[in-house]
Amino acid sequence: MSGMTVCAYLWGAWFVIWLLWALRSKRTQQRETISSRLSYTIFNVAAFWLMFSGDVPREWLRARLFAPNVWTEGLGIALTAAGLGFALWARAYLGRNWSGVVTVKVGHELVRSGPYRWVRHPIYTGMILAMLGTALERHQVRGLIAVVLLYVGFKIKSRIEEQTMAATFGSQYEEYTSTTGAIMPRLRW
């Protein structure tokens, strides 16, 4: 079985778990607009299409970045698994406050424990890391572009979430942002 196949199975298992957990979330009090959601969803869909499409229309997208070897294959699988595991850990800590779109839930809580100690958007951190691992397995230009597109999509979404959380939690969220990174952990010296 190829490393790319292993990564695809990891993403598939992650997706099934994600869907099952989605059934257990709190009722929504406030939801973002459709245009807001489209502003980042386009990038995320394009990233996954580029990474997992059987064939992409442009030959330059399939150009090899490097020759695959046992080390890159092992590292790619490890990063994919670690990233998806980190995202699942973050999702578990959010519990019923989670939503696939930017929302405020009834009785919404500001979670600052688990992976939320280090970053405010650890699900995105994990998914970007997993996509980077899968890009190593793909070893084509399109994999690198997919990582960039996913990052851009999550950066847009995180800014929308930041505004929503600041409006919901006020100074408590402002203090939280001063001690943590958004998608990447803040380095402390």
N, C-alpha and C. Protein backbone atom coordinates (compact mmCIF):
# COMPACT_ATOMS: atom_id res chain seq x y z
N MET A 1 0.85 -1.17 0.00
CA MET A 1 0.00 0.00 0.00
C MET A 1 0.90 1.24 0.00
N SER A 2 0.59 2.19 -0.85
CA SER A 2 1.41 3.39 -0.95
C SER A 2 1.16 4.31 0.24
N GLY A 3 2.13 5.20 0.47
CA GLY A 3 1.98 6.18 1.54
C GLY A 3 0.79 7.10 1.30
N MET A 4 0.54 7.45 0.04
CA MET A 4 -0.60 8.31 -0.27
C MET A 4 -1.91 7.61 0.07
N THR A 5 -1.98 6.30 -0.16
CA THR A 5 -3.17 5.53 0.18
C THR A 5 -3.37 5.52 1.69
N VAL A 6 -2.29 5.34 2.44
CA VAL A 6 -2.38 5.37 3.90
C VAL A 6 -2.90 6.73 4.36
N CYS A 7 -2.37 7.81 3.80
CA CYS A 7 -2.83 9.15 4.16
C CYS A 7 -4.30 9.34 3.82
N ALA A 8 -4.72 8.85 2.67
CA ALA A 8 -6.13 8.97 2.28
C ALA A 8 -7.02 8.22 3.27
N TYR A 9 -6.60 7.04 3.72
CA TYR A 9 -7.36 6.30 4.72
C TYR A 9 -7.41 7.05 6.05
N LEU A 10 -6.30 7.67 6.43
CA LEU A 10 -6.29 8.46 7.67
C LEU A 10 -7.28 9.62 7.59
N TRP A 11 -7.25 10.33 6.47
CA TRP A 11 -8.19 11.44 6.28
C TRP A 11 -9.63 10.93 6.27
N GLY A 12 -9.86 9.78 5.62
CA GLY A 12 -11.22 9.21 5.58
C GLY A 12 -11.72 8.85 6.96
N ALA A 13 -10.89 8.21 7.77
CA ALA A 13 -11.28 7.85 9.14
C ALA A 13 -11.55 9.10 9.97
N TRP A 14 -10.69 10.09 9.81
CA TRP A 14 -10.87 11.35 10.52
C TRP A 14 -12.21 11.99 10.14
N PHE A 15 -12.53 11.98 8.86
CA PHE A 15 -13.77 12.58 8.37
C PHE A 15 -15.00 11.88 8.95
N VAL A 16 -14.98 10.56 9.03
CA VAL A 16 -16.11 9.80 9.59
C VAL A 16 -16.29 10.16 11.06
N ILE A 17 -15.20 10.20 11.82
CA ILE A 17 -15.27 10.57 13.24
C ILE A 17 -15.82 11.99 13.37
N TRP A 18 -15.34 12.89 12.51
CA TRP A 18 -15.79 14.28 12.53
C TRP A 18 -17.30 14.38 12.30
N LEU A 19 -17.80 13.63 11.33
CA LEU A 19 -19.24 13.66 11.05
C LEU A 19 -20.05 13.13 12.22
N LEU A 20 -19.58 12.06 12.84
CA LEU A 20 -20.29 11.50 13.98
C LEU A 20 -20.32 12.48 15.15
N TRP A 21 -19.19 13.14 15.41
CA TRP A 21 -19.15 14.13 16.48
C TRP A 21 -20.02 15.34 16.17
N ALA A 22 -20.21 15.66 14.91
CA ALA A 22 -21.01 16.83 14.54
C ALA A 22 -22.46 16.68 15.00
N LEU A 23 -22.88 15.46 15.20
CA LEU A 23 -24.26 15.22 15.64
C LEU A 23 -24.48 15.62 17.10
N ARG A 24 -23.38 15.84 17.84
CA ARG A 24 -23.47 16.13 19.26
C ARG A 24 -23.02 17.55 19.59
N SER A 25 -23.61 18.54 19.00
CA SER A 25 -23.23 19.91 19.35
C SER A 25 -24.44 20.67 19.87
N LYS A 26 -24.16 21.74 20.57
CA LYS A 26 -25.22 22.56 21.15
C LYS A 26 -26.02 23.26 20.05
N ARG A 27 -27.19 23.73 20.44
CA ARG A 27 -27.99 24.52 19.51
C ARG A 27 -27.28 25.82 19.19
N THR A 28 -27.50 26.31 17.97
CA THR A 28 -26.86 27.54 17.51
C THR A 28 -27.67 28.75 17.92
N GLN A 29 -26.96 29.74 18.46
CA GLN A 29 -27.59 31.01 18.84
C GLN A 29 -27.39 32.05 17.74
N GLN A 30 -26.20 32.06 17.14
CA GLN A 30 -25.85 33.02 16.09
C GLN A 30 -24.96 32.33 15.07
N ARG A 31 -25.22 32.56 13.78
CA ARG A 31 -24.46 31.92 12.71
C ARG A 31 -23.98 32.97 11.72
N GLU A 32 -22.81 32.72 11.13
CA GLU A 32 -22.26 33.63 10.13
C GLU A 32 -23.12 33.61 8.86
N THR A 33 -22.93 34.62 8.02
CA THR A 33 -23.68 34.70 6.77
C THR A 33 -23.10 33.73 5.74
N ILE A 34 -23.86 33.46 4.71
CA ILE A 34 -23.39 32.58 3.63
C ILE A 34 -22.19 33.19 2.92
N SER A 35 -22.21 34.49 2.68
CA SER A 35 -21.07 35.13 2.00
C SER A 35 -19.81 35.04 2.86
N SER A 36 -19.96 35.15 4.17
CA SER A 36 -18.82 34.99 5.07
C SER A 36 -18.26 33.58 4.96
N ARG A 37 -19.13 32.61 4.95
CA ARG A 37 -18.69 31.22 4.88
C ARG A 37 -18.01 30.92 3.54
N LEU A 38 -18.54 31.46 2.46
CA LEU A 38 -17.94 31.24 1.14
C LEU A 38 -16.54 31.83 1.03
N SER A 39 -16.26 32.90 1.81
CA SER A 39 -14.97 33.58 1.71
C SER A 39 -13.80 32.65 2.04
N TYR A 40 -14.01 31.64 2.85
CA TYR A 40 -12.93 30.70 3.18
C TYR A 40 -13.18 29.30 2.65
N THR A 41 -14.44 28.92 2.47
CA THR A 41 -14.76 27.58 2.01
C THR A 41 -14.20 27.31 0.62
N ILE A 42 -14.18 28.30 -0.23
CA ILE A 42 -13.64 28.15 -1.58
C ILE A 42 -12.18 27.69 -1.53
N PHE A 43 -11.40 28.30 -0.65
CA PHE A 43 -9.99 27.92 -0.51
C PHE A 43 -9.85 26.49 0.03
N ASN A 44 -10.66 26.14 1.02
CA ASN A 44 -10.56 24.81 1.63
C ASN A 44 -10.96 23.71 0.65
N VAL A 45 -12.04 23.92 -0.09
CA VAL A 45 -12.47 22.93 -1.08
C VAL A 45 -11.42 22.78 -2.16
N ALA A 46 -10.87 23.90 -2.63
CA ALA A 46 -9.83 23.84 -3.66
C ALA A 46 -8.61 23.08 -3.15
N ALA A 47 -8.25 23.27 -1.88
CA ALA A 47 -7.09 22.57 -1.31
C ALA A 47 -7.31 21.07 -1.31
N PHE A 48 -8.47 20.62 -0.85
CA PHE A 48 -8.73 19.18 -0.81
C PHE A 48 -8.88 18.60 -2.20
N TRP A 49 -9.46 19.35 -3.13
CA TRP A 49 -9.58 18.86 -4.50
C TRP A 49 -8.19 18.67 -5.11
N LEU A 50 -7.33 19.68 -4.95
CA LEU A 50 -5.98 19.56 -5.50
C LEU A 50 -5.22 18.37 -4.91
N MET A 51 -5.36 18.18 -3.60
CA MET A 51 -4.60 17.12 -2.95
C MET A 51 -5.11 15.74 -3.32
N PHE A 52 -6.43 15.56 -3.37
CA PHE A 52 -6.97 14.21 -3.48
C PHE A 52 -7.57 13.87 -4.84
N SER A 53 -7.62 14.82 -5.75
CA SER A 53 -8.15 14.53 -7.07
C SER A 53 -7.25 13.51 -7.77
N GLY A 54 -7.88 12.56 -8.43
CA GLY A 54 -7.11 11.55 -9.16
C GLY A 54 -6.26 12.15 -10.25
N ASP A 55 -6.75 13.18 -10.89
CA ASP A 55 -6.01 13.81 -11.96
C ASP A 55 -6.36 15.29 -11.99
N VAL A 56 -5.36 16.11 -12.08
CA VAL A 56 -5.57 17.55 -12.17
C VAL A 56 -5.33 17.99 -13.60
N PRO A 57 -5.97 19.08 -14.03
CA PRO A 57 -5.96 19.44 -15.44
C PRO A 57 -4.64 19.97 -15.99
N ARG A 58 -3.77 20.48 -15.20
CA ARG A 58 -2.52 21.07 -15.69
C ARG A 58 -1.33 20.18 -15.35
N GLU A 59 -0.50 19.95 -16.33
CA GLU A 59 0.66 19.09 -16.12
C GLU A 59 1.62 19.65 -15.07
N TRP A 60 1.79 20.98 -15.04
CA TRP A 60 2.73 21.58 -14.09
C TRP A 60 2.30 21.32 -12.64
N LEU A 61 1.00 21.12 -12.40
CA LEU A 61 0.53 20.80 -11.05
C LEU A 61 0.98 19.41 -10.60
N ARG A 62 1.24 18.54 -11.57
CA ARG A 62 1.68 17.17 -11.27
C ARG A 62 3.21 17.04 -11.26
N ALA A 63 3.90 18.12 -11.51
CA ALA A 63 5.38 18.08 -11.53
C ALA A 63 5.90 17.65 -10.17
N ARG A 64 6.88 16.76 -10.18
CA ARG A 64 7.46 16.23 -8.93
C ARG A 64 8.36 17.28 -8.29
N LEU A 65 8.21 17.43 -6.99
CA LEU A 65 9.09 18.32 -6.23
C LEU A 65 10.37 17.61 -5.82
N PHE A 66 10.26 16.30 -5.59
CA PHE A 66 11.41 15.49 -5.20
C PHE A 66 11.07 14.03 -5.45
N ALA A 67 12.07 13.20 -5.48
CA ALA A 67 11.85 11.77 -5.67
C ALA A 67 11.40 11.16 -4.33
N PRO A 68 10.34 10.38 -4.34
CA PRO A 68 9.89 9.78 -3.08
C PRO A 68 10.91 8.77 -2.56
N ASN A 69 11.00 8.68 -1.25
CA ASN A 69 11.87 7.69 -0.63
C ASN A 69 11.26 7.25 0.70
N VAL A 70 11.85 6.29 1.33
CA VAL A 70 11.28 5.73 2.56
C VAL A 70 11.18 6.78 3.67
N TRP A 71 12.14 7.72 3.72
CA TRP A 71 12.13 8.74 4.77
C TRP A 71 10.99 9.73 4.58
N THR A 72 10.82 10.23 3.36
CA THR A 72 9.74 11.19 3.13
C THR A 72 8.38 10.51 3.28
N GLU A 73 8.31 9.24 2.89
CA GLU A 73 7.05 8.51 3.03
C GLU A 73 6.70 8.34 4.51
N GLY A 74 7.68 7.92 5.31
CA GLY A 74 7.44 7.76 6.74
C GLY A 74 7.10 9.06 7.42
N LEU A 75 7.83 10.12 7.06
CA LEU A 75 7.57 11.44 7.64
C LEU A 75 6.19 11.95 7.23
N GLY A 76 5.83 11.76 5.97
CA GLY A 76 4.52 12.20 5.49
C GLY A 76 3.37 11.53 6.23
N ILE A 77 3.47 10.22 6.40
CA ILE A 77 2.43 9.49 7.14
C ILE A 77 2.39 9.94 8.59
N ALA A 78 3.56 10.10 9.21
CA ALA A 78 3.63 10.53 10.61
C ALA A 78 3.03 11.92 10.81
N LEU A 79 3.35 12.86 9.92
CA LEU A 79 2.80 14.21 10.04
C LEU A 79 1.30 14.23 9.81
N THR A 80 0.84 13.43 8.85
CA THR A 80 -0.60 13.34 8.60
C THR A 80 -1.32 12.81 9.84
N ALA A 81 -0.81 11.72 10.38
CA ALA A 81 -1.44 11.12 11.57
C ALA A 81 -1.37 12.06 12.77
N ALA A 82 -0.21 12.70 12.98
CA ALA A 82 -0.06 13.62 14.11
C ALA A 82 -0.99 14.82 13.98
N GLY A 83 -1.06 15.38 12.78
CA GLY A 83 -1.94 16.53 12.56
C GLY A 83 -3.40 16.21 12.77
N LEU A 84 -3.84 15.08 12.22
CA LEU A 84 -5.24 14.68 12.39
C LEU A 84 -5.53 14.34 13.85
N GLY A 85 -4.56 13.71 14.51
CA GLY A 85 -4.72 13.42 15.94
C GLY A 85 -4.83 14.69 16.77
N PHE A 86 -4.01 15.68 16.44
CA PHE A 86 -4.06 16.97 17.15
C PHE A 86 -5.42 17.64 16.93
N ALA A 87 -5.92 17.60 15.70
CA ALA A 87 -7.23 18.19 15.40
C ALA A 87 -8.34 17.47 16.18
N LEU A 88 -8.26 16.14 16.26
CA LEU A 88 -9.26 15.38 17.03
C LEU A 88 -9.18 15.71 18.52
N TRP A 89 -7.97 15.85 19.03
CA TRP A 89 -7.79 16.22 20.43
C TRP A 89 -8.44 17.58 20.69
N ALA A 90 -8.19 18.54 19.79
CA ALA A 90 -8.78 19.87 19.93
C ALA A 90 -10.31 19.80 19.85
N ARG A 91 -10.80 19.01 18.94
CA ARG A 91 -12.26 18.87 18.79
C ARG A 91 -12.88 18.26 20.05
N ALA A 92 -12.19 17.30 20.65
CA ALA A 92 -12.68 16.69 21.89
C ALA A 92 -12.76 17.73 23.01
N TYR A 93 -11.79 18.64 23.07
CA TYR A 93 -11.80 19.67 24.11
C TYR A 93 -12.90 20.69 23.88
N LEU A 94 -13.25 20.95 22.64
CA LEU A 94 -14.35 21.89 22.37
C LEU A 94 -15.69 21.29 22.76
N GLY A 95 -15.78 19.99 22.67
CA GLY A 95 -17.03 19.33 23.05
C GLY A 95 -18.21 19.81 22.23
N ARG A 96 -19.28 20.11 22.90
CA ARG A 96 -20.53 20.49 22.23
C ARG A 96 -20.52 21.94 21.73
N ASN A 97 -19.45 22.69 22.00
CA ASN A 97 -19.33 24.07 21.50
C ASN A 97 -18.91 24.12 20.04
N TRP A 98 -18.48 22.98 19.48
CA TRP A 98 -17.95 22.95 18.12
C TRP A 98 -19.03 23.17 17.07
N SER A 99 -18.60 23.77 15.96
CA SER A 99 -19.43 23.89 14.76
C SER A 99 -18.51 23.99 13.57
N GLY A 100 -18.96 23.48 12.44
CA GLY A 100 -18.17 23.56 11.21
C GLY A 100 -18.15 24.95 10.61
N VAL A 101 -19.08 25.78 11.03
CA VAL A 101 -19.14 27.17 10.56
C VAL A 101 -18.97 28.07 11.78
N VAL A 102 -18.72 29.34 11.53
CA VAL A 102 -18.53 30.28 12.63
C VAL A 102 -19.90 30.54 13.27
N THR A 103 -20.02 30.10 14.52
CA THR A 103 -21.28 30.26 15.25
C THR A 103 -21.01 30.59 16.71
N VAL A 104 -22.05 31.05 17.35
CA VAL A 104 -22.07 31.14 18.81
C VAL A 104 -23.17 30.18 19.23
N LYS A 105 -22.83 29.26 20.10
CA LYS A 105 -23.78 28.26 20.57
C LYS A 105 -24.53 28.79 21.79
N VAL A 106 -25.67 28.23 22.06
CA VAL A 106 -26.40 28.54 23.28
C VAL A 106 -25.55 28.03 24.44
N GLY A 107 -25.23 28.91 25.39
CA GLY A 107 -24.37 28.53 26.51
C GLY A 107 -22.92 28.31 26.09
N HIS A 108 -22.48 29.03 25.08
CA HIS A 108 -21.11 28.88 24.54
C HIS A 108 -20.08 29.15 25.64
N GLU A 109 -19.04 28.33 25.66
CA GLU A 109 -17.97 28.48 26.63
C GLU A 109 -16.66 28.77 25.91
N LEU A 110 -15.80 29.56 26.55
CA LEU A 110 -14.48 29.83 26.00
C LEU A 110 -13.54 28.76 26.53
N VAL A 111 -13.10 27.88 25.65
CA VAL A 111 -12.23 26.77 26.04
C VAL A 111 -10.78 27.23 25.95
N ARG A 112 -10.03 27.05 27.06
CA ARG A 112 -8.63 27.48 27.11
C ARG A 112 -7.71 26.38 27.63
N SER A 113 -8.20 25.16 27.65
CA SER A 113 -7.40 24.04 28.14
C SER A 113 -7.05 23.10 26.99
N GLY A 114 -6.28 22.06 27.30
CA GLY A 114 -5.85 21.13 26.26
C GLY A 114 -5.01 21.87 25.23
N PRO A 115 -5.22 21.61 23.95
CA PRO A 115 -4.42 22.28 22.92
C PRO A 115 -4.73 23.77 22.82
N TYR A 116 -5.84 24.20 23.40
CA TYR A 116 -6.21 25.62 23.38
C TYR A 116 -5.33 26.44 24.33
N ARG A 117 -4.49 25.80 25.10
CA ARG A 117 -3.49 26.52 25.91
C ARG A 117 -2.46 27.18 25.02
N TRP A 118 -2.17 26.56 23.87
CA TRP A 118 -1.09 27.02 23.00
C TRP A 118 -1.57 27.82 21.80
N VAL A 119 -2.69 27.41 21.21
CA VAL A 119 -3.22 28.11 20.04
C VAL A 119 -4.73 28.23 20.15
N ARG A 120 -5.25 29.30 19.57
CA ARG A 120 -6.70 29.54 19.64
C ARG A 120 -7.46 28.72 18.60
N HIS A 121 -6.77 28.23 17.59
CA HIS A 121 -7.42 27.46 16.52
C HIS A 121 -6.65 26.17 16.26
N PRO A 122 -6.54 25.29 17.26
CA PRO A 122 -5.72 24.09 17.10
C PRO A 122 -6.27 23.09 16.09
N ILE A 123 -7.56 23.14 15.81
CA ILE A 123 -8.09 22.25 14.77
C ILE A 123 -7.46 22.62 13.43
N TYR A 124 -7.35 23.91 13.16
CA TYR A 124 -6.73 24.36 11.92
C TYR A 124 -5.25 24.01 11.90
N THR A 125 -4.59 24.18 13.05
CA THR A 125 -3.18 23.82 13.16
C THR A 125 -2.98 22.36 12.79
N GLY A 126 -3.80 21.50 13.36
CA GLY A 126 -3.69 20.07 13.09
C GLY A 126 -3.98 19.72 11.65
N MET A 127 -5.00 20.34 11.09
CA MET A 127 -5.36 20.03 9.70
C MET A 127 -4.28 20.51 8.72
N ILE A 128 -3.69 21.66 9.01
CA ILE A 128 -2.62 22.17 8.14
C ILE A 128 -1.41 21.25 8.25
N LEU A 129 -1.06 20.81 9.46
CA LEU A 129 0.04 19.87 9.63
C LEU A 129 -0.24 18.57 8.89
N ALA A 130 -1.47 18.07 9.00
CA ALA A 130 -1.84 16.84 8.29
C ALA A 130 -1.76 17.03 6.78
N MET A 131 -2.19 18.18 6.29
CA MET A 131 -2.13 18.45 4.85
C MET A 131 -0.68 18.55 4.40
N LEU A 132 0.19 19.10 5.24
CA LEU A 132 1.61 19.16 4.91
C LEU A 132 2.19 17.74 4.81
N GLY A 133 1.81 16.87 5.74
CA GLY A 133 2.25 15.48 5.67
C GLY A 133 1.76 14.78 4.41
N THR A 134 0.52 15.02 4.07
CA THR A 134 -0.04 14.41 2.86
C THR A 134 0.63 14.98 1.62
N ALA A 135 1.00 16.27 1.66
CA ALA A 135 1.73 16.87 0.53
C ALA A 135 3.08 16.21 0.34
N LEU A 136 3.73 15.83 1.44
CA LEU A 136 4.99 15.09 1.32
C LEU A 136 4.77 13.77 0.59
N GLU A 137 3.65 13.12 0.89
CA GLU A 137 3.31 11.87 0.20
C GLU A 137 2.99 12.09 -1.27
N ARG A 138 2.33 13.18 -1.55
CA ARG A 138 1.94 13.50 -2.93
C ARG A 138 3.18 13.86 -3.74
N HIS A 139 4.15 14.51 -3.12
CA HIS A 139 5.42 14.99 -3.70
C HIS A 139 5.25 15.63 -5.08
N GLN A 140 4.19 16.40 -5.21
CA GLN A 140 3.94 17.14 -6.44
C GLN A 140 3.66 18.60 -6.09
N VAL A 141 3.79 19.47 -7.07
CA VAL A 141 3.53 20.90 -6.88
C VAL A 141 2.14 21.11 -6.30
N ARG A 142 1.17 20.35 -6.75
CA ARG A 142 -0.20 20.55 -6.29
C ARG A 142 -0.34 20.34 -4.78
N GLY A 143 0.47 19.49 -4.20
CA GLY A 143 0.42 19.27 -2.75
C GLY A 143 0.84 20.52 -1.99
N LEU A 144 1.89 21.15 -2.46
CA LEU A 144 2.36 22.38 -1.83
C LEU A 144 1.32 23.49 -1.97
N ILE A 145 0.72 23.60 -3.14
CA ILE A 145 -0.32 24.61 -3.36
C ILE A 145 -1.53 24.31 -2.47
N ALA A 146 -1.87 23.05 -2.30
CA ALA A 146 -2.99 22.67 -1.43
C ALA A 146 -2.75 23.12 0.00
N VAL A 147 -1.53 22.96 0.49
CA VAL A 147 -1.21 23.40 1.86
C VAL A 147 -1.40 24.91 1.98
N VAL A 148 -0.91 25.66 1.00
CA VAL A 148 -1.05 27.12 1.02
C VAL A 148 -2.52 27.52 0.97
N LEU A 149 -3.30 26.89 0.10
CA LEU A 149 -4.73 27.21 0.01
C LEU A 149 -5.46 26.92 1.32
N LEU A 150 -5.15 25.79 1.94
CA LEU A 150 -5.79 25.45 3.21
C LEU A 150 -5.42 26.47 4.28
N TYR A 151 -4.15 26.85 4.32
CA TYR A 151 -3.71 27.86 5.28
C TYR A 151 -4.47 29.18 5.06
N VAL A 152 -4.55 29.63 3.82
CA VAL A 152 -5.25 30.89 3.51
C VAL A 152 -6.72 30.79 3.94
N GLY A 153 -7.37 29.67 3.61
CA GLY A 153 -8.77 29.49 4.00
C GLY A 153 -8.95 29.54 5.50
N PHE A 154 -8.08 28.86 6.24
CA PHE A 154 -8.18 28.86 7.70
C PHE A 154 -7.79 30.20 8.31
N LYS A 155 -6.89 30.91 7.67
CA LYS A 155 -6.52 32.25 8.16
C LYS A 155 -7.73 33.18 8.05
N ILE A 156 -8.43 33.13 6.92
CA ILE A 156 -9.64 33.94 6.74
C ILE A 156 -10.69 33.55 7.78
N LYS A 157 -10.93 32.25 7.92
CA LYS A 157 -11.94 31.78 8.86
C LYS A 157 -11.57 32.14 10.30
N SER A 158 -10.30 32.03 10.64
CA SER A 158 -9.89 32.34 12.02
C SER A 158 -10.11 33.82 12.34
N ARG A 159 -9.92 34.68 11.37
CA ARG A 159 -10.17 36.12 11.62
C ARG A 159 -11.65 36.39 11.85
N ILE A 160 -12.50 35.70 11.12
CA ILE A 160 -13.94 35.84 11.33
C ILE A 160 -14.30 35.32 12.73
N GLU A 161 -13.74 34.18 13.10
CA GLU A 161 -13.98 33.62 14.43
C GLU A 161 -13.46 34.54 15.53
N GLU A 162 -12.31 35.15 15.31
CA GLU A 162 -11.73 36.05 16.30
C GLU A 162 -12.70 37.21 16.58
N GLN A 163 -13.27 37.78 15.54
CA GLN A 163 -14.23 38.88 15.71
C GLN A 163 -15.46 38.41 16.48
N THR A 164 -15.94 37.23 16.13
CA THR A 164 -17.14 36.68 16.80
C THR A 164 -16.86 36.38 18.27
N MET A 165 -15.71 35.78 18.56
CA MET A 165 -15.37 35.45 19.94
C MET A 165 -15.10 36.71 20.77
N ALA A 166 -14.47 37.72 20.16
CA ALA A 166 -14.22 38.98 20.87
C ALA A 166 -15.54 39.65 21.22
N ALA A 167 -16.51 39.62 20.29
CA ALA A 167 -17.82 40.21 20.57
C ALA A 167 -18.57 39.42 21.63
N THR A 168 -18.35 38.12 21.69
CA THR A 168 -19.05 37.27 22.64
C THR A 168 -18.43 37.30 24.04
N PHE A 169 -17.09 37.25 24.11
CA PHE A 169 -16.41 37.11 25.39
C PHE A 169 -15.66 38.35 25.86
N GLY A 170 -15.59 39.39 25.03
CA GLY A 170 -15.01 40.67 25.42
C GLY A 170 -13.59 40.59 25.94
N SER A 171 -13.36 41.19 27.12
CA SER A 171 -12.00 41.29 27.68
C SER A 171 -11.41 39.92 27.99
N GLN A 172 -12.25 38.96 28.30
CA GLN A 172 -11.77 37.60 28.57
C GLN A 172 -11.08 37.03 27.32
N TYR A 173 -11.66 37.27 26.14
CA TYR A 173 -11.06 36.80 24.90
C TYR A 173 -9.83 37.63 24.54
N GLU A 174 -9.89 38.91 24.80
CA GLU A 174 -8.74 39.79 24.53
C GLU A 174 -7.52 39.33 25.34
N GLU A 175 -7.73 38.97 26.60
CA GLU A 175 -6.64 38.47 27.43
C GLU A 175 -6.10 37.15 26.88
N TYR A 176 -7.01 36.29 26.43
CA TYR A 176 -6.64 35.00 25.84
C TYR A 176 -5.77 35.20 24.61
N THR A 177 -6.12 36.16 23.75
CA THR A 177 -5.33 36.40 22.53
C THR A 177 -3.94 36.93 22.86
N SER A 178 -3.78 37.55 24.02
CA SER A 178 -2.47 38.10 24.38
C SER A 178 -1.50 37.01 24.85
N THR A 179 -2.02 35.82 25.14
CA THR A 179 -1.16 34.76 25.67
C THR A 179 -1.00 33.56 24.72
N THR A 180 -1.74 33.55 23.63
CA THR A 180 -1.68 32.41 22.71
C THR A 180 -1.55 32.89 21.27
N GLY A 181 -1.03 31.99 20.43
CA GLY A 181 -0.98 32.26 19.00
C GLY A 181 -2.32 31.90 18.37
N ALA A 182 -2.55 32.34 17.17
CA ALA A 182 -3.81 32.03 16.49
C ALA A 182 -3.77 30.62 15.90
N ILE A 183 -2.92 30.39 14.92
CA ILE A 183 -2.80 29.08 14.29
C ILE A 183 -1.47 28.42 14.66
N MET A 184 -0.45 29.22 14.83
CA MET A 184 0.86 28.73 15.26
C MET A 184 1.07 29.15 16.71
N PRO A 185 1.67 28.29 17.54
CA PRO A 185 1.92 28.68 18.92
C PRO A 185 2.83 29.91 18.99
N ARG A 186 2.56 30.74 19.96
CA ARG A 186 3.38 31.93 20.18
C ARG A 186 4.64 31.52 20.91
N LEU A 187 5.76 31.92 20.38
CA LEU A 187 7.04 31.61 21.03
C LEU A 187 7.23 32.52 22.23
N ARG A 188 7.58 31.93 23.34
CA ARG A 188 7.81 32.72 24.56
C ARG A 188 9.28 32.61 24.93
N TRP A 189 9.87 33.75 25.18
CA TRP A 189 11.29 33.77 25.54
C TRP A 189 11.43 34.08 27.01
